[in-house]
Protein backbone atom coordinates (compact mmCIF):
# COMPACT_ATOMS: atom_id res chain seq x y z
CA UNK A 1 58.18 -17.73 -17.54
CA UNK A 2 57.30 -14.05 -17.64
CA UNK A 3 54.25 -14.87 -19.77
CA UNK A 4 53.07 -17.44 -17.19
CA UNK A 5 53.51 -14.91 -14.39
CA UNK A 6 51.50 -12.35 -16.38
CA UNK A 7 48.63 -14.79 -16.92
CA UNK A 8 48.65 -15.87 -13.26
CA UNK A 9 48.56 -12.25 -12.13
CA UNK A 10 45.63 -11.54 -14.48
CA UNK A 11 43.62 -14.46 -13.12
CA UNK A 12 44.41 -13.37 -9.56
CA UNK A 13 43.06 -9.86 -10.31
CA UNK A 14 39.89 -11.36 -11.83
CA UNK A 15 39.31 -13.54 -8.74
CA UNK A 16 39.89 -10.56 -6.39
CA UNK A 17 37.43 -8.43 -8.41
CA UNK A 18 34.83 -11.20 -8.39
CA UNK A 19 35.09 -11.60 -4.61
CA UNK A 20 34.81 -7.85 -4.14
CA UNK A 21 31.70 -7.43 -6.32
CA UNK A 22 30.03 -10.47 -4.74
CA UNK A 23 30.53 -8.95 -1.31
CA UNK A 24 29.14 -5.65 -2.46
CA UNK A 25 26.06 -6.94 -4.28
CA UNK A 26 25.28 -9.55 -1.63
CA UNK A 27 23.96 -6.71 0.55
CA UNK A 28 21.63 -5.44 -2.18
CA UNK A 29 18.07 -6.75 -1.73
CA UNK A 30 15.74 -6.81 -4.74
CA UNK A 31 12.97 -4.25 -4.36
CA UNK A 32 10.29 -6.87 -4.84
CA UNK A 33 11.41 -8.75 -1.70
CA UNK A 34 11.88 -5.62 0.42
CA UNK A 35 8.26 -4.42 0.57
CA UNK A 36 7.95 -5.11 4.30
CA UNK A 37 10.62 -2.58 5.24
CA UNK A 38 9.38 1.01 5.37
CA UNK A 39 12.17 3.19 3.97
CA UNK A 40 13.24 6.54 5.31
CA UNK A 41 13.14 7.83 1.72
CA UNK A 42 9.33 7.82 1.94
CA UNK A 43 8.33 10.15 4.80
CA UNK A 44 4.83 9.72 6.24
CA UNK A 45 3.04 12.50 8.08
CA UNK A 46 3.33 12.10 11.82
CA UNK A 47 0.40 10.13 13.21
CA UNK A 48 -0.56 13.16 15.30
CA UNK A 49 -0.89 15.13 12.05
CA UNK A 50 -3.13 12.53 10.35
CA UNK A 51 -6.65 13.89 10.62
CA UNK A 52 -9.80 13.42 8.46
CA UNK A 53 -9.04 14.92 5.08
CA UNK A 54 -5.30 14.23 5.27
CA UNK A 55 -3.91 12.95 1.93
CA UNK A 56 -1.09 10.41 2.20
CA UNK A 57 0.91 9.61 -0.93
CA UNK A 58 1.72 5.91 -1.40
CA UNK A 59 5.05 4.52 -2.57
CA UNK A 60 5.22 3.59 -6.20
CA UNK A 61 4.21 -0.09 -6.79
CA UNK A 62 6.57 -2.68 -8.12
CA UNK A 63 5.53 -3.96 -11.54
CA UNK A 64 8.13 -6.69 -12.01
CA UNK A 65 8.31 -8.83 -8.92
CA UNK A 66 10.29 -11.99 -8.24
CA UNK A 67 7.40 -14.48 -7.95
CA UNK A 68 5.81 -15.96 -11.06
CA UNK A 69 2.08 -15.78 -11.65
CA UNK A 70 1.93 -19.56 -11.57
CA UNK A 71 3.58 -19.67 -8.16
CA UNK A 72 1.20 -17.02 -6.77
CA UNK A 73 -1.78 -19.04 -8.04
CA UNK A 74 -0.43 -22.23 -6.42
CA UNK A 75 -0.16 -20.39 -3.08
CA UNK A 76 -3.61 -18.82 -3.15
CA UNK A 77 -5.57 -19.89 -0.04
CA UNK A 78 -8.23 -18.51 2.28
CA UNK A 79 -6.39 -17.61 5.50
CA UNK A 80 -8.37 -16.59 8.57
CA UNK A 81 -5.66 -16.31 11.24
CA UNK A 82 -3.03 -13.54 11.36
CA UNK A 83 -0.16 -12.69 13.66
CA UNK A 84 -0.09 -9.36 15.53
CA UNK A 85 2.44 -7.59 13.35
CA UNK A 86 1.94 -4.38 11.35
CA UNK A 87 1.77 -4.28 7.58
CA UNK A 88 4.09 -1.79 5.90
CA UNK A 89 2.93 1.15 3.81
CA UNK A 90 4.75 -0.48 0.87
CA UNK A 91 2.68 -3.62 1.23
CA UNK A 92 -0.55 -1.66 1.40
CA UNK A 93 0.45 0.35 -1.66
CA UNK A 94 1.09 -2.83 -3.63
CA UNK A 95 -2.22 -4.40 -2.62
CA UNK A 96 -4.29 -1.36 -3.63
CA UNK A 97 -2.42 -0.96 -6.90
CA UNK A 98 -3.01 -4.66 -7.71
CA UNK A 99 -6.75 -4.16 -7.17
CA UNK A 100 -7.46 -0.80 -8.82
CA UNK A 101 -4.19 0.81 -9.79
CA UNK A 102 -3.72 2.57 -13.09
CA UNK A 103 -1.46 0.62 -15.47
CA UNK A 104 -2.04 2.47 -18.71
CA UNK A 105 -1.44 6.00 -19.97
CA UNK A 106 -5.13 6.21 -20.90
CA UNK A 107 -6.17 5.63 -17.31
CA UNK A 108 -7.14 1.96 -17.60
CA UNK A 109 -6.69 -0.15 -14.53
CA UNK A 110 -5.30 -3.50 -13.37
CA UNK A 111 -8.81 -5.09 -13.59
CA UNK A 112 -11.38 -4.85 -16.41
CA UNK A 113 -14.48 -2.66 -16.10
CA UNK A 114 -17.53 -2.77 -18.35
CA UNK A 115 -17.33 0.18 -20.71
CA UNK A 116 -14.58 1.68 -18.54
CA UNK A 117 -17.32 2.94 -16.21
CA UNK A 118 -15.24 2.14 -13.12
CA UNK A 119 -18.00 1.80 -10.51
CA UNK A 120 -15.79 0.45 -7.75
CA UNK A 121 -14.23 2.48 -4.93
CA UNK A 122 -11.87 0.88 -2.44
CA UNK A 123 -11.83 1.89 1.21
CA UNK A 124 -9.28 0.63 3.72
CA UNK A 125 -9.98 0.12 7.40
CA UNK A 126 -6.54 0.36 8.96
CA UNK A 127 -6.04 -1.66 12.15
CA UNK A 128 -2.27 -2.09 12.16
CA UNK A 129 -0.11 -0.43 9.54
CA UNK A 130 3.28 1.03 10.48
CA UNK A 131 3.09 4.82 10.40
CA UNK A 132 -0.67 5.09 9.76
CA UNK A 133 -3.36 6.11 12.23
CA UNK A 134 -6.16 3.65 12.77
CA UNK A 135 -9.27 4.59 10.85
CA UNK A 136 -10.97 4.49 7.49
CA UNK A 137 -9.15 5.62 4.32
CA UNK A 138 -10.38 6.10 0.74
CA UNK A 139 -8.02 4.96 -1.99
CA UNK A 140 -7.46 7.85 -4.43
CA UNK A 141 -6.80 5.95 -7.63
CA UNK A 142 -5.63 8.76 -9.85
CA UNK A 143 -3.09 10.00 -7.34
CA UNK A 144 -2.20 6.56 -5.89
CA UNK A 145 -2.81 7.95 -2.43
CA UNK A 146 -4.93 7.48 0.64
CA UNK A 147 -7.36 10.01 2.09
CA UNK A 148 -8.24 9.60 5.75
CA UNK A 149 -12.02 9.90 5.94
CA UNK A 150 -12.70 8.74 9.51
CA UNK A 151 -10.21 8.54 12.40
CA UNK A 152 -12.43 6.36 14.62
CA UNK A 153 -11.33 2.84 15.54
CA UNK A 154 -14.01 0.90 13.75
CA UNK A 155 -12.83 -2.70 13.74
CA UNK A 156 -14.94 -3.85 16.71
CA UNK A 157 -18.20 -2.49 15.34
CA UNK A 158 -17.50 -3.72 11.81
CA UNK A 159 -16.61 -7.20 13.15
CA UNK A 160 -19.89 -7.41 15.11
CA UNK A 161 -21.83 -6.34 12.05
CA UNK A 162 -20.00 -9.04 10.10
CA UNK A 163 -21.40 -11.86 12.25
CA UNK A 164 -18.51 -11.51 14.74
CA UNK A 165 -15.89 -12.80 12.33
CA UNK A 166 -12.65 -12.24 14.21
CA UNK A 167 -10.56 -11.78 11.04
CA UNK A 168 -11.99 -8.25 10.76
CA UNK A 169 -10.40 -7.22 14.05
CA UNK A 170 -7.21 -9.32 13.78
CA UNK A 171 -6.15 -8.18 10.30
CA UNK A 172 -3.67 -5.39 9.68
CA UNK A 173 -6.13 -3.90 7.18
CA UNK A 174 -9.56 -4.68 5.78
CA UNK A 175 -10.06 -3.65 2.15
CA UNK A 176 -13.70 -2.72 1.67
CA UNK A 177 -15.10 -2.96 -1.84
CA UNK A 178 -17.83 -0.46 -2.51
CA UNK A 179 -19.68 0.50 -5.71
CA UNK A 180 -21.45 3.55 -7.07
CA UNK A 181 -23.99 1.62 -9.16
CA UNK A 182 -25.22 4.55 -11.23
CA UNK A 183 -21.87 4.84 -12.97
CA UNK A 184 -22.55 1.56 -14.77
CA UNK A 185 -26.33 1.17 -14.72
CA UNK A 186 -26.80 4.60 -16.29
CA UNK A 187 -25.20 3.11 -19.43
CA UNK A 188 -26.24 -0.54 -19.26
CA UNK A 189 -29.44 -0.47 -17.25
CA UNK A 190 -30.23 -3.47 -15.01
CA UNK A 191 -27.59 -5.47 -16.84
CA UNK A 192 -24.99 -3.16 -15.31
CA UNK A 193 -25.66 -4.71 -11.87
CA UNK A 194 -24.25 -7.98 -13.15
CA UNK A 195 -21.25 -6.25 -14.66
CA UNK A 196 -20.46 -4.59 -11.28
CA UNK A 197 -20.53 -7.91 -9.43
CA UNK A 198 -18.31 -9.41 -12.16
CA UNK A 199 -15.83 -6.56 -11.61
CA UNK A 200 -15.67 -7.22 -7.87
CA UNK A 201 -14.52 -10.73 -8.70
CA UNK A 202 -11.78 -9.51 -11.03
CA UNK A 203 -10.45 -7.01 -8.46
CA UNK A 204 -10.60 -9.32 -5.46
CA UNK A 205 -8.70 -12.06 -7.29
CA UNK A 206 -5.99 -9.58 -8.24
CA UNK A 207 -5.61 -8.63 -4.63
CA UNK A 208 -5.70 -12.25 -3.47
CA UNK A 209 -2.84 -13.19 -5.79
CA UNK A 210 -0.86 -10.13 -4.70
CA UNK A 211 -1.38 -11.23 -1.09
CA UNK A 212 0.11 -14.62 -2.00
CA UNK A 213 3.12 -12.98 -3.67
CA UNK A 214 3.76 -10.88 -0.53
CA UNK A 215 3.45 -13.90 1.79
CA UNK A 216 0.45 -12.44 3.57
CA UNK A 217 -2.94 -13.95 4.34
CA UNK A 218 -6.49 -13.00 3.42
CA UNK A 219 -10.03 -14.32 3.02
CA UNK A 220 -12.96 -12.86 1.17
CA UNK A 221 -16.01 -11.93 3.25
CA UNK A 222 -19.54 -11.57 1.93
CA UNK A 223 -21.38 -12.39 5.18
CA UNK A 224 -22.31 -9.21 6.95
CA UNK A 225 -25.37 -7.07 7.63
CA UNK A 226 -25.28 -4.67 4.71
CA UNK A 227 -27.13 -1.69 6.12
CA UNK A 228 -25.41 -1.94 9.51
CA UNK A 229 -21.92 -1.98 7.98
CA UNK A 230 -22.76 0.95 5.69
CA UNK A 231 -24.15 2.92 8.66
CA UNK A 232 -20.98 2.26 10.70
CA UNK A 233 -18.71 3.34 7.83
CA UNK A 234 -20.89 6.38 7.11
CA UNK A 235 -19.85 6.50 3.46
CA UNK A 236 -22.93 8.22 2.10
CA UNK A 237 -26.03 7.17 0.16
CA UNK A 238 -24.33 6.50 -3.17
CA UNK A 239 -21.85 3.90 -1.88
CA UNK A 240 -22.86 0.25 -1.48
CA UNK A 241 -20.57 -2.19 0.30
CA UNK A 242 -20.19 -5.41 -1.73
CA UNK A 243 -17.20 -7.30 -0.30
CA UNK A 244 -14.49 -7.20 2.36
CA UNK A 245 -10.97 -8.64 2.50
CA UNK A 246 -9.11 -8.70 5.81
CA UNK A 247 -5.35 -8.94 5.22
CA UNK A 248 -2.64 -9.69 7.72
CA UNK A 249 0.76 -11.19 8.42
CA UNK A 250 0.93 -14.94 8.74
């Protein structure tokens, strides 16, 4: 009888412990599904302190998410309508890392580049990101950071120069793909032009799949007046705009 009571008491303790740990861990959200919530552990400069030249460190990206590659591919679609809700800095960090982040101790990136010449530079036109001032930012790949280059609200002008495609204005951000052609053509000559356009495809698909994994929406845009967009963005003579991806909540 005593032995039976001992066994019953042991099982009761196990059940109580299981209930306790289930209650505790039920409140823990996996990091990969919590990207939309900006955490207090990552302080952003006050918007009033964000001026051209300001460097803003980005949260570290997640490299082991909860969605399979196959699932992300199955969800990939061109989405042109977005709801008026801000993206989080964590989501923006993840998108930029997926496109051009460093994933190797030798400095290699998440997308291939001919001869590791890395001609692409990503700019982000911020329309609606929690904690960030509207304006144009340059993704600093080595530091995984953003540099505010222009604090003007540019979405209206860029949309008009992009044949009045409303996605440009409605998106939380527009990732702008630019290239410094000489980085690649100085090694490969005219053939380097093809390599650069190939690279844009690699990077944009990475971002498109990351968009799917984050339950966001995007579409790739190649229809715009090149010289007009470049003049509005005022990036300088060496940068050429090749592609744009508006990204927003759906």
